[in-house]
Amino acid sequence: MATNTTAVPPCNDAAPERDCMAPGTEPTDEELACVMREVAVVVRERKQQGELWLAQQVALALQAALGEVPQT
């Protein structure tokens, strides 16, 4: 899977110069890009965890169906 790294500045971990959560404040393109990158990381991690869990459940179901003793 290719990662898109085209011209998106890194997230700024320093204290913000403005309160981006204030009412009536619109997020900047840079803030939105930062949030989207962070969300993408979390989504990929959760997808991997879900795939691992599903593979484990399928293996357990197959073992139970075949009458095998589960290995720990």
Foldseek 3Di string as FASTA:
>chain_A
DDDDDPPQDEDDPDDDPDDCPDPPHDDDPNVVVNVVVVVVVVVVVVVVVVVVVVVVVVVVVVCVVVVHDDDD
